[in-house]
C-alpha cells in the first residue's frame, strides 16, 4: 500500500469530494454474500468509509464490520462517521493473514491498486468462510470519451512525477480467477456507467484531494491547481462539468462447502 503520509492530510477533502459507488453494485454484493447473520465484513484500505456508506445499508442486518487503513487521517475520519465499526490502523495484507477467524465479505474499494495484490488475494482466500466474497470496487473517470478529462490526464502526466493514466488499468478479473478458480471458486463482474455533474470549484477540490495531484503541487506549488481550474473552466458550461464515470465490481467467491 502507498505510504500513509500521502493521505493523512487529505482525509476531509477526500471524503467530501469523492464520488460514491452506484447502489446496484452493492445490491450485487448483498445478493452474492453468504446467508445468515451475523457476517464478518472487512473493508480493506477503507479510507474514510465511503464504501461502507453503500455496503452497510445493502447488507441490512446487523453485522460485524472491521475497517483497516494505513492513514491516521483516513481512519479518524472514518471512525467519526461509523463509530460502530471497528477501525484499525494497519496494512490489509498482514491483518488478514493473522486474523485467525473466518470472514464472510472482504471489500477493497478504490484501494486494490495500492495493495500487494497477489499477497492480498491469497490472504483473503485463506481467510474467507465457505461461499465468502472478495469484492473489488472501482470508480473510474472515462477520460477516453471526454475531451476535458483527457486534457486533465495530459496535465497530470506532464506534471505529476511518475503518473500515468493507466495506473489502475489492471486485469482484476484475471487476477482473482488465478487464485479463486483453482480453489473451486468463481469470479463475477459487473459495471455501471453514469454521469457525475460537478461545479468547477468542486472538481478542483476533488483534484486537490488526490495524492497524484499533491505530487504535482509539490513540484509546481499552487500554480498547478490554478492550471486545473483554468482547464476545467474552459470546458465547463455555465460553471458546470458533466463527468462520465464507469464503476466496476469484481467479485471472487470462495467455494461453498455445501455445493
Foldseek 3Di string as FASTA:
>chain_A
DDAQVLQQVLQVLQVVQDDADDLVQLLVVLVQFDDDDDFEEEEAQCFLPRPVVNNPVNVPDDYAYEYEHQHPNRQVNNCVVPVSHHYDNDHQLVCLQPVPAAGAEYEYEPCCLVHPNLSNLVSNLVRHDAFGKYKYKYKDFPLVVDVLSVVVQVLLVVQQPPDHSCSPVDPVQVSLCVPQVVQPWHKDKDKDKDKDKDFLVSVLSNLVSDSSSVSSCVVVNCVSSVVSSVSQVVPDDVRMDIIMIMMMMMMITHHHPVD
